[in-house]
């Protein structure tokens, strides 16, 4: 039998339970939250999921450089990096070699096309002006009717100076030129020559006119014209010549040095290729790689090409400097001194009151010429630029000129000016005119020879070096392609 008391308690509990449901519903509607009767996941599973999420977030936010750095530590990554470095170095070396050697070729071509003709025109300008001054003085002191030969010499020299001035005034954008101070100074001297030469020729014509009319003032006009020439025109012409000569001397000093930078760059590429080949042999157990061997052959071939053409070009440029430019500069200086000595000699008959100063000028000029001839003779024995026979001829004519000038001054000291005039401007073999012409002609012939030697050597240097730069660039591109084609199969083996 059931216990009545238990039955009553159960019924009471059921009543309480049944009565609590409406109350809970009311409280929930009032805003209170009641937890669902579900089972929570284990703590370990939650922590594992969180770690996976964090790892995924870190992997997604990882830097590309870190990935590359990680890949570069692997063998295929090292091979790719090594191939990239060697390829870029090879291409950069080819570009650098092409730029450097093509610049050298351009400089050599500029010397032939621009710098050397301008320097030659400046030299002719100075010499022609000096010849014109000496011829004007000689024609004036010859006495009687004007000597047609001296008159023609003066006119030809002045015309040559005018044409040379036009050539010399040409713009020079080649090596050795400066866009600021040097250009302004050069333009100033050219302007001085352009404006002063007509003044000089006008004074000479005025002196001639007065001389034909028998007016004594003619000698004063000629003295004034000679002063303008010696004090204004010739110094400006000499400065122009010196600046134009620098356009040859400055580049030559650089071109006589081998292109060491190109040699070093090519040698570095060879070392990199050898190192790559050795590393690849250790990793792949293959002794040779066809691509790397082809690249090595190309770069070594370019190095031998540069070694041959570069040394030949430097040797030709050095020969142009030692056997062409240097003796040509000294011969030009000797000819300028010759014209100065001749002007001093003729002016001594014209001025007659300034014998000591003009005699000192003549002696200093001729002594300087003798020193230059001694230097040329010494250099010619080693370089062969000028033979000893030609130097001996020049020295003999110079000595004869000195002896004749001493006799002229003796005649002037005794007052025998007519005999001094004949010995100065006469056509006899013992006259100073003949000795002066012999010295001047020998100098002109020697200058022509050395100038031809200079131009031939520069042309040789330019032709030898002509295609070397572009050839090395092509070989570098070929080496790069061969390297890449040789490395690709080795890199694919690690897939």
Protein backbone atom coordinates (compact mmCIF):
# COMPACT_ATOMS: atom_id res chain seq x y z
CA UNK A 1 0.00 0.00 0.00
CA UNK A 2 1.06 3.43 -0.70
CA UNK A 3 1.88 5.72 2.12
CA UNK A 4 -0.67 8.50 2.23
CA UNK A 5 1.84 10.95 3.49
CA UNK A 6 4.25 10.37 0.54
CA UNK A 7 1.45 10.64 -1.87
CA UNK A 8 0.44 13.92 -0.41
CA UNK A 9 4.03 15.28 -0.61
CA UNK A 10 4.39 14.26 -4.23
CA UNK A 11 1.16 15.93 -5.11
CA UNK A 12 2.31 19.03 -3.28
CA UNK A 13 5.61 19.03 -5.19
CA UNK A 14 3.83 18.68 -8.50
CA UNK A 15 1.71 21.61 -7.57
CA UNK A 16 4.68 23.74 -6.70
CA UNK A 17 6.46 22.77 -9.91
CA UNK A 18 3.47 23.38 -12.01
CA UNK A 19 2.92 26.74 -10.36
CA UNK A 20 6.60 27.94 -10.90
CA UNK A 21 6.54 27.77 -14.73
CA UNK A 22 4.25 30.73 -15.23
CA UNK A 23 6.30 32.77 -12.80
CA UNK A 24 9.61 32.00 -14.66
CA UNK A 25 8.02 32.98 -17.92
CA UNK A 26 6.93 36.25 -16.47
CA UNK A 27 10.43 36.99 -15.13
CA UNK A 28 11.97 36.20 -18.54
CA UNK A 29 9.63 38.57 -20.22
CA UNK A 30 10.64 41.19 -17.67
CA UNK A 31 14.25 41.10 -18.94
CA UNK A 32 15.90 38.37 -16.95
CA UNK A 33 17.96 35.87 -18.96
CA UNK A 34 17.74 32.26 -18.21
CA UNK A 35 20.64 30.02 -19.33
CA UNK A 36 19.73 27.30 -21.73
CA UNK A 37 20.16 23.84 -20.51
CA UNK A 38 23.03 22.97 -22.96
CA UNK A 39 26.43 21.44 -22.27
CA UNK A 40 29.57 23.81 -22.77
CA UNK A 41 32.60 22.54 -24.87
CA UNK A 42 35.71 21.37 -23.00
CA UNK A 43 38.37 23.95 -22.16
CA UNK A 44 41.10 22.15 -24.12
CA UNK A 45 39.07 22.32 -27.33
CA UNK A 46 38.54 26.07 -26.90
CA UNK A 47 42.23 26.72 -26.32
CA UNK A 48 43.22 24.61 -29.34
CA UNK A 49 40.83 26.48 -31.59
CA UNK A 50 42.20 29.80 -30.33
CA UNK A 51 45.79 28.73 -31.04
CA UNK A 52 44.84 27.72 -34.57
CA UNK A 53 43.18 31.08 -35.15
CA UNK A 54 46.24 32.96 -33.86
CA UNK A 55 48.59 30.87 -36.04
CA UNK A 56 46.40 31.51 -39.08
CA UNK A 57 46.39 35.25 -38.37
CA UNK A 58 50.18 35.30 -38.00
CA UNK A 59 50.67 33.37 -41.24
CA UNK A 60 48.34 35.75 -43.06
CA UNK A 61 50.13 38.81 -41.66
CA UNK A 62 53.64 37.50 -42.30
CA UNK A 63 55.91 39.92 -44.40
CA UNK A 64 56.79 38.87 -47.99
CA UNK A 65 60.42 39.65 -47.22
CA UNK A 66 60.39 37.09 -44.46
CA UNK A 67 59.13 34.53 -46.93
CA UNK A 68 61.80 35.46 -49.41
CA UNK A 69 64.44 35.33 -46.69
CA UNK A 70 63.23 31.92 -45.65
CA UNK A 71 63.24 30.71 -49.26
CA UNK A 72 66.69 32.16 -49.87
CA UNK A 73 68.10 29.84 -47.24
CA UNK A 74 67.11 26.84 -49.29
CA UNK A 75 69.29 25.43 -52.07
CA UNK A 76 67.02 26.51 -54.98
CA UNK A 77 66.68 29.93 -53.40
CA UNK A 78 70.46 30.25 -53.20
CA UNK A 79 70.81 29.23 -56.83
CA UNK A 80 68.23 31.78 -57.96
CA UNK A 81 69.85 34.53 -55.90
CA UNK A 82 73.31 33.65 -57.20
CA UNK A 83 72.08 33.60 -60.80
CA UNK A 84 70.42 36.99 -60.32
CA UNK A 85 73.53 38.60 -58.83
CA UNK A 86 75.88 37.28 -61.52
CA UNK A 87 73.47 38.23 -64.34
CA UNK A 88 73.01 41.78 -63.08
CA UNK A 89 76.77 42.17 -62.57
CA UNK A 90 77.45 40.92 -66.09
CA UNK A 91 74.94 43.32 -67.67
CA UNK A 92 76.18 46.26 -65.58
CA UNK A 93 79.77 45.47 -66.57
CA UNK A 94 78.84 45.39 -70.26
CA UNK A 95 77.04 48.72 -69.99
CA UNK A 96 79.94 50.29 -68.08
CA UNK A 97 82.52 48.98 -70.56
CA UNK A 98 80.48 50.19 -73.52
CA UNK A 99 80.00 53.65 -72.03
CA UNK A 100 83.63 54.08 -71.01
CA UNK A 101 85.18 52.84 -74.24
CA UNK A 102 82.71 54.68 -76.47
CA UNK A 103 83.51 57.88 -74.58
CA UNK A 104 87.20 57.28 -75.28
CA UNK A 105 86.48 56.74 -78.96
CA UNK A 106 84.39 59.91 -79.04
CA UNK A 107 87.17 61.89 -77.40
CA UNK A 108 89.71 60.63 -79.93
CA UNK A 109 87.37 61.48 -82.78
CA UNK A 110 86.76 64.94 -81.32
CA UNK A 111 90.51 65.57 -81.14
CA UNK A 112 90.84 64.81 -84.85
CA UNK A 113 87.69 66.60 -85.99
CA UNK A 114 87.62 69.65 -83.70
CA UNK A 115 90.43 70.17 -81.21
CA UNK A 116 93.46 69.61 -83.45
CA UNK A 117 92.19 71.76 -86.37
CA UNK A 118 91.36 74.58 -83.96
CA UNK A 119 94.80 74.34 -82.38
CA UNK A 120 96.42 74.34 -85.82
CA UNK A 121 94.36 77.37 -86.87
CA UNK A 122 95.41 79.21 -83.70
CA UNK A 123 99.06 78.42 -84.41
CA UNK A 124 98.73 79.61 -88.02
CA UNK A 125 96.99 82.74 -86.78
CA UNK A 126 99.85 83.65 -84.46
CA UNK A 127 102.56 82.83 -86.99
CA UNK A 128 100.82 84.69 -89.81
CA UNK A 129 100.42 87.81 -87.71
CA UNK A 130 104.11 87.70 -86.78
CA UNK A 131 105.08 87.17 -90.44
CA UNK A 132 102.88 90.07 -91.50
CA UNK A 133 104.54 92.37 -88.97
CA UNK A 134 108.05 91.30 -89.98
CA UNK A 135 107.21 91.63 -93.69
CA UNK A 136 105.75 95.12 -93.20
CA UNK A 137 108.87 96.26 -91.37
CA UNK A 138 111.17 94.70 -93.98
CA UNK A 139 109.29 96.32 -96.85
CA UNK A 140 109.42 99.70 -95.17
CA UNK A 141 113.16 99.62 -94.44
CA UNK A 142 114.13 98.22 -97.86
CA UNK A 143 114.31 101.78 -99.24
CA UNK A 144 113.24 103.09 -102.63
CA UNK A 145 110.22 101.52 -104.32
CA UNK A 146 108.43 98.94 -102.23
CA UNK A 147 109.64 95.39 -102.79
CA UNK A 148 106.78 93.45 -104.49
CA UNK A 149 107.79 90.19 -102.85
CA UNK A 150 107.69 91.68 -99.36
CA UNK A 151 104.41 93.39 -100.18
CA UNK A 152 102.94 90.08 -101.35
CA UNK A 153 104.24 88.30 -98.27
CA UNK A 154 102.56 90.85 -96.03
CA UNK A 155 99.24 90.59 -97.90
CA UNK A 156 99.29 86.78 -97.90
CA UNK A 157 100.16 86.61 -94.21
CA UNK A 158 97.35 89.02 -93.29
CA UNK A 159 94.85 87.10 -95.42
CA UNK A 160 95.94 83.80 -93.84
CA UNK A 161 95.60 85.33 -90.38
CA UNK A 162 92.06 86.51 -91.18
CA UNK A 163 90.94 83.11 -92.44
CA UNK A 164 92.60 81.38 -89.46
CA UNK A 165 90.82 83.76 -87.12
CA UNK A 166 87.48 82.65 -88.56
CA UNK A 167 88.36 78.99 -87.99
CA UNK A 168 89.75 79.63 -84.52
CA UNK A 169 86.61 81.48 -83.50
CA UNK A 170 84.56 78.33 -84.10
CA UNK A 171 82.83 77.00 -81.00
CA UNK A 172 84.62 74.11 -79.36
CA UNK A 173 82.46 71.78 -77.32
CA UNK A 174 85.10 69.07 -77.17
CA UNK A 175 87.26 67.97 -74.25
CA UNK A 176 89.25 70.58 -72.47
CA UNK A 177 86.69 73.33 -73.01
CA UNK A 178 85.08 75.15 -70.08
CA UNK A 179 81.66 76.76 -70.26
CA UNK A 180 82.43 79.65 -67.91
CA UNK A 181 85.74 81.41 -67.33
CA UNK A 182 87.78 79.89 -70.16
CA UNK A 183 85.10 80.57 -72.75
CA UNK A 184 84.71 84.17 -71.64
CA UNK A 185 88.48 84.72 -71.72
CA UNK A 186 88.72 83.10 -75.15
CA UNK A 187 85.89 85.22 -76.51
CA UNK A 188 87.55 88.33 -75.09
CA UNK A 189 90.83 87.56 -76.87
CA UNK A 190 89.01 86.76 -80.11
CA UNK A 191 87.14 90.05 -79.86
CA UNK A 192 90.45 91.84 -79.31
CA UNK A 193 91.90 90.26 -82.44
CA UNK A 194 88.80 90.99 -84.49
CA UNK A 195 88.77 94.68 -83.60
CA UNK A 196 92.53 95.33 -83.48
CA UNK A 197 93.79 93.65 -86.67
CA UNK A 198 91.94 96.19 -88.89
CA UNK A 199 93.46 99.00 -86.82
CA UNK A 200 96.92 97.53 -87.38
CA UNK A 201 96.44 97.14 -91.12
CA UNK A 202 95.12 100.71 -91.32
CA UNK A 203 98.22 102.06 -89.57
CA UNK A 204 100.44 100.06 -91.95
CA UNK A 205 98.66 101.47 -95.00
CA UNK A 206 98.97 104.99 -93.59
CA UNK A 207 102.70 104.43 -93.08
CA UNK A 208 103.06 103.17 -96.65
CA UNK A 209 101.21 106.12 -98.06
CA UNK A 210 103.41 108.60 -96.22
CA UNK A 211 106.50 106.65 -97.20
CA UNK A 212 105.60 106.83 -100.90
CA UNK A 213 104.99 110.55 -100.53
CA UNK A 214 108.34 111.02 -98.83
CA UNK A 215 106.87 112.11 -95.50
CA UNK A 216 109.08 111.19 -92.52
CA UNK A 217 105.99 110.60 -90.37
CA UNK A 218 105.57 107.26 -92.13
CA UNK A 219 108.10 105.60 -89.83
CA UNK A 220 106.14 106.85 -86.81
CA UNK A 221 102.94 105.24 -88.10
CA UNK A 222 104.77 101.98 -88.77
CA UNK A 223 106.31 102.05 -85.30
CA UNK A 224 102.84 102.58 -83.83
CA UNK A 225 101.47 99.69 -85.91
CA UNK A 226 104.28 97.41 -84.75
CA UNK A 227 103.63 98.41 -81.13
CA UNK A 228 99.96 97.47 -81.52
CA UNK A 229 101.03 94.13 -82.97
CA UNK A 230 103.62 93.33 -80.30
CA UNK A 231 101.72 94.63 -77.27
CA UNK A 232 98.09 93.77 -78.07
CA UNK A 233 97.54 91.47 -81.03
CA UNK A 234 100.28 88.87 -80.57
CA UNK A 235 99.70 88.38 -76.80
CA UNK A 236 96.00 87.80 -77.47
CA UNK A 237 96.84 85.38 -80.30
CA UNK A 238 99.26 83.52 -78.04
CA UNK A 239 96.62 83.11 -75.32
CA UNK A 240 94.17 81.78 -77.90
CA UNK A 241 96.75 79.26 -79.09
CA UNK A 242 97.52 78.12 -75.54
CA UNK A 243 93.83 77.54 -74.76
CA UNK A 244 93.27 75.67 -78.00
CA UNK A 245 96.33 73.52 -77.28
CA UNK A 246 94.87 72.54 -73.90
CA UNK A 247 91.94 70.96 -75.76
CA UNK A 248 94.48 68.43 -77.06
CA UNK A 249 96.79 68.11 -74.07
CA UNK A 250 94.12 67.52 -71.40
CA UNK A 251 92.29 64.59 -73.07
CA UNK A 252 95.58 63.01 -74.12
CA UNK A 253 96.74 62.84 -70.53
CA UNK A 254 93.62 60.79 -69.68
CA UNK A 255 93.65 58.67 -72.84
CA UNK A 256 97.23 57.53 -72.32
CA UNK A 257 96.06 55.65 -69.18
CA UNK A 258 94.49 52.20 -69.73
CA UNK A 259 90.81 51.81 -68.72
CA UNK A 260 91.58 50.03 -65.46
CA UNK A 261 87.99 50.21 -64.25
CA UNK A 262 86.75 48.10 -67.17
CA UNK A 263 89.52 45.57 -66.61
CA UNK A 264 88.58 45.23 -62.93
CA UNK A 265 84.86 44.90 -63.70
CA UNK A 266 85.40 42.12 -66.24
CA UNK A 267 87.76 40.32 -63.86
CA UNK A 268 85.11 40.45 -61.12
CA UNK A 269 82.55 38.87 -63.47
CA UNK A 270 85.03 36.08 -64.26
CA UNK A 271 85.54 35.41 -60.54
CA UNK A 272 81.78 35.35 -59.93
CA UNK A 273 81.26 32.86 -62.74
CA UNK A 274 84.05 30.64 -61.40
CA UNK A 275 82.56 30.80 -57.91
CA UNK A 276 79.11 29.95 -59.26
CA UNK A 277 80.49 26.99 -61.16
CA UNK A 278 82.26 25.66 -58.09
CA UNK A 279 79.18 26.07 -55.88
CA UNK A 280 77.00 24.34 -58.45
CA UNK A 281 79.49 21.47 -58.76
CA UNK A 282 79.37 20.86 -55.00
CA UNK A 283 75.57 20.94 -54.85
CA UNK A 284 74.69 18.98 -57.98
CA UNK A 285 77.75 16.71 -58.23
CA UNK A 286 78.20 17.88 -61.83
CA UNK A 287 81.64 19.10 -62.75
CA UNK A 288 80.68 21.50 -65.56
CA UNK A 289 77.65 23.54 -66.55
CA UNK A 290 77.36 24.32 -70.26
CA UNK A 291 75.76 27.71 -69.67
CA UNK A 292 78.37 28.86 -67.19
CA UNK A 293 81.19 27.60 -69.41
CA UNK A 294 79.76 29.54 -72.37
CA UNK A 295 79.43 32.67 -70.21
CA UNK A 296 83.03 32.28 -69.04
CA UNK A 297 84.28 31.92 -72.61
CA UNK A 298 82.38 35.08 -73.63
CA UNK A 299 83.64 37.22 -70.74
CA UNK A 300 87.24 35.99 -71.03
CA UNK A 301 87.07 36.66 -74.77
CA UNK A 302 85.90 40.21 -74.06
CA UNK A 303 88.70 40.64 -71.55
CA UNK A 304 91.31 39.51 -74.09
CA UNK A 305 89.75 41.75 -76.73
CA UNK A 306 89.90 44.74 -74.40
CA UNK A 307 93.44 43.87 -73.34
CA UNK A 308 94.59 43.84 -76.96
CA UNK A 309 92.70 46.83 -78.34
CA UNK A 310 93.06 48.89 -75.16
CA UNK A 311 96.83 48.50 -74.98
CA UNK A 312 97.21 49.20 -78.71
CA UNK A 313 95.04 52.31 -78.39
CA UNK A 314 96.97 53.55 -75.36
CA UNK A 315 100.27 52.89 -77.16
CA UNK A 316 99.10 54.83 -80.23
CA UNK A 317 97.84 57.70 -78.07
CA UNK A 318 101.13 57.78 -76.16
CA UNK A 319 103.00 57.84 -79.47
CA UNK A 320 100.79 60.70 -80.65
CA UNK A 321 101.71 62.59 -77.50
CA UNK A 322 105.46 61.91 -77.45
CA UNK A 323 106.14 61.96 -81.20
CA UNK A 324 103.42 64.34 -82.31
CA UNK A 325 101.86 66.74 -79.81
CA UNK A 326 104.93 67.43 -77.66
CA UNK A 327 107.43 68.12 -80.48
CA UNK A 328 104.73 70.00 -82.39
CA UNK A 329 104.18 72.28 -79.42
CA UNK A 330 107.93 72.90 -79.12
CA UNK A 331 108.29 73.51 -82.85
CA UNK A 332 105.38 75.93 -82.73
CA UNK A 333 107.03 77.78 -79.89
CA UNK A 334 110.28 77.86 -81.86
CA UNK A 335 108.52 79.33 -84.88
CA UNK A 336 106.80 81.95 -82.73
CA UNK A 337 110.19 82.88 -81.27
CA UNK A 338 111.58 83.04 -84.81
CA UNK A 339 108.97 85.60 -85.80
CA UNK A 340 109.62 87.59 -82.62
CA UNK A 341 113.37 87.60 -83.34
CA UNK A 342 112.76 88.73 -86.90
CA UNK A 343 110.47 91.54 -85.77
CA UNK A 344 113.09 92.71 -83.26
CA UNK A 345 115.75 92.60 -85.99
CA UNK A 346 113.76 94.66 -88.47
CA UNK A 347 112.54 97.10 -85.84
CA UNK A 348 116.13 97.83 -84.85
CA UNK A 349 116.65 99.43 -88.29
CA UNK A 350 113.37 101.25 -88.03
CA UNK A 351 113.74 102.71 -84.55
CA UNK A 352 117.54 103.05 -84.40
CA UNK A 353 117.36 104.57 -80.95
CA UNK A 354 116.39 101.39 -79.07
CA UNK A 355 119.18 99.07 -80.06
CA UNK A 356 119.94 97.48 -76.69
CA UNK A 357 116.35 96.42 -75.95
CA UNK A 358 115.77 95.01 -79.41
CA UNK A 359 119.13 93.25 -79.39
CA UNK A 360 118.30 91.63 -76.05
CA UNK A 361 114.95 90.52 -77.45
CA UNK A 362 116.65 88.98 -80.50
CA UNK A 363 119.24 87.17 -78.41
CA UNK A 364 116.72 85.84 -75.91
CA UNK A 365 114.50 84.52 -78.70
CA UNK A 366 117.32 82.84 -80.61
CA UNK A 367 118.81 81.35 -77.44
CA UNK A 368 115.43 79.91 -76.56
CA UNK A 369 115.16 78.44 -80.07
CA UNK A 370 118.55 76.78 -79.58
CA UNK A 371 117.40 75.24 -76.30
CA UNK A 372 114.25 73.89 -77.96
CA UNK A 373 116.32 72.37 -80.77
CA UNK A 374 118.60 70.69 -78.22
CA UNK A 375 115.57 69.24 -76.46
CA UNK A 376 114.07 68.02 -79.72
CA UNK A 377 117.38 66.42 -80.69
CA UNK A 378 117.57 64.61 -77.36
CA UNK A 379 113.97 63.40 -77.55
CA UNK A 380 114.28 62.51 -81.21
CA UNK A 381 117.06 60.02 -80.52
CA UNK A 382 114.71 57.97 -78.38
CA UNK A 383 111.37 58.52 -80.10
CA UNK A 384 112.36 59.05 -83.72
CA UNK A 385 109.99 62.00 -84.12
CA UNK A 386 112.66 64.20 -85.74
CA UNK A 387 115.87 62.96 -87.24
CA UNK A 388 119.21 64.44 -86.25
CA UNK A 389 119.90 65.64 -89.79
CA UNK A 390 116.86 67.91 -89.76
CA UNK A 391 117.76 69.26 -86.34
CA UNK A 392 121.33 69.88 -87.52
CA UNK A 393 120.01 71.81 -90.54
CA UNK A 394 117.87 73.96 -88.28
CA UNK A 395 120.74 74.62 -85.91
CA UNK A 396 123.09 75.54 -88.78
CA UNK A 397 120.59 78.03 -90.22
CA UNK A 398 120.06 79.51 -86.75
CA UNK A 399 123.81 79.94 -86.17
CA UNK A 400 124.18 81.63 -89.55
CA UNK A 401 121.35 83.97 -88.67
CA UNK A 402 123.03 84.92 -85.41
CA UNK A 403 126.32 85.67 -87.17
CA UNK A 404 124.61 87.80 -89.82
CA UNK A 405 122.70 89.73 -87.18
CA UNK A 406 125.95 90.43 -85.33
CA UNK A 407 127.44 91.82 -88.57
CA UNK A 408 124.34 93.95 -89.15
CA UNK A 409 124.63 95.45 -85.69
CA UNK A 410 128.31 96.18 -86.27
CA UNK A 411 127.39 98.05 -89.43
CA UNK A 412 124.69 99.96 -87.57
CA UNK A 413 127.15 100.84 -84.80
CA UNK A 414 129.50 102.40 -87.36
CA UNK A 415 126.59 104.29 -88.94
CA UNK A 416 126.55 102.29 -92.19
CA UNK A 417 122.77 101.84 -92.22
CA UNK A 418 122.54 101.26 -95.97
CA UNK A 419 124.80 98.20 -95.71
CA UNK A 420 122.93 97.04 -92.63
CA UNK A 421 119.67 97.35 -94.58
CA UNK A 422 121.02 95.28 -97.45
CA UNK A 423 122.28 92.59 -95.09
CA UNK A 424 118.91 92.52 -93.29
CA UNK A 425 116.41 92.43 -96.18
CA UNK A 426 118.67 91.48 -99.09
CA UNK A 427 118.44 88.25 -101.07
CA UNK A 428 122.12 87.23 -100.91
CA UNK A 429 123.02 83.91 -99.23
CA UNK A 430 124.79 85.80 -96.43
CA UNK A 431 121.84 88.05 -95.56
CA UNK A 432 119.76 87.59 -92.44
CA UNK A 433 116.67 87.42 -94.68
CA UNK A 434 118.01 84.22 -96.22
CA UNK A 435 118.96 82.75 -92.84
CA UNK A 436 115.56 83.66 -91.40
CA UNK A 437 113.76 82.05 -94.35
CA UNK A 438 115.86 78.89 -93.95
CA UNK A 439 114.99 78.60 -90.26
CA UNK A 440 111.31 79.33 -90.85
CA UNK A 441 111.03 76.87 -93.76
CA UNK A 442 112.75 74.10 -91.81
CA UNK A 443 110.43 74.67 -88.86
CA UNK A 444 107.35 74.58 -91.12
CA UNK A 445 108.48 71.29 -92.68
CA UNK A 446 109.15 69.77 -89.26
CA UNK A 447 105.76 70.94 -87.98
CA UNK A 448 104.03 69.41 -91.00
CA UNK A 449 105.76 66.08 -90.37
CA UNK A 450 104.95 65.97 -86.66
CA UNK A 451 101.35 67.03 -87.28
CA UNK A 452 100.88 64.20 -89.78
CA UNK A 453 102.41 61.78 -87.28
CA UNK A 454 100.07 63.04 -84.57
CA UNK A 455 96.95 62.67 -86.68
CA UNK A 456 97.96 59.20 -87.90
CA UNK A 457 98.51 57.96 -84.35
CA UNK A 458 95.20 59.38 -83.10
CA UNK A 459 93.36 57.83 -86.04
CA UNK A 460 95.01 54.50 -85.28
CA UNK A 461 94.00 54.70 -81.62
CA UNK A 462 90.43 55.53 -82.61
CA UNK A 463 90.13 52.73 -85.16
CA UNK A 464 91.63 50.09 -82.85
CA UNK A 465 89.26 50.97 -80.01
CA UNK A 466 86.26 51.64 -82.27
CA UNK A 467 84.01 48.59 -81.76
CA UNK A 468 85.45 47.25 -78.52
CA UNK A 469 82.84 48.86 -76.26
CA UNK A 470 79.82 47.59 -78.20
CA UNK A 471 81.49 44.20 -78.66
CA UNK A 472 82.00 43.74 -74.92
CA UNK A 473 78.38 44.77 -74.31
CA UNK A 474 77.18 42.11 -76.76
CA UNK A 475 79.39 39.48 -75.14
CA UNK A 476 78.06 40.44 -71.69
CA UNK A 477 74.46 40.03 -72.87
CA UNK A 478 75.34 36.66 -74.39
CA UNK A 479 77.02 35.59 -71.14
CA UNK A 480 73.95 36.59 -69.13
CA UNK A 481 71.60 34.61 -71.36
CA UNK A 482 73.90 31.57 -71.31
CA UNK A 483 74.13 31.74 -67.52
CA UNK A 484 70.36 31.84 -67.08
CA UNK A 485 69.77 29.01 -69.54
CA UNK A 486 72.40 26.93 -67.77
CA UNK A 487 70.99 27.53 -64.28
CA UNK A 488 67.30 26.92 -65.01
CA UNK A 489 67.58 23.09 -65.32
CA UNK A 490 69.55 22.87 -62.08
CA UNK A 491 66.94 24.95 -60.24
CA UNK A 492 64.06 22.86 -61.57
CA UNK A 493 65.61 19.73 -60.11
CA UNK A 494 64.57 20.89 -56.62
CA UNK A 495 60.86 20.97 -57.39
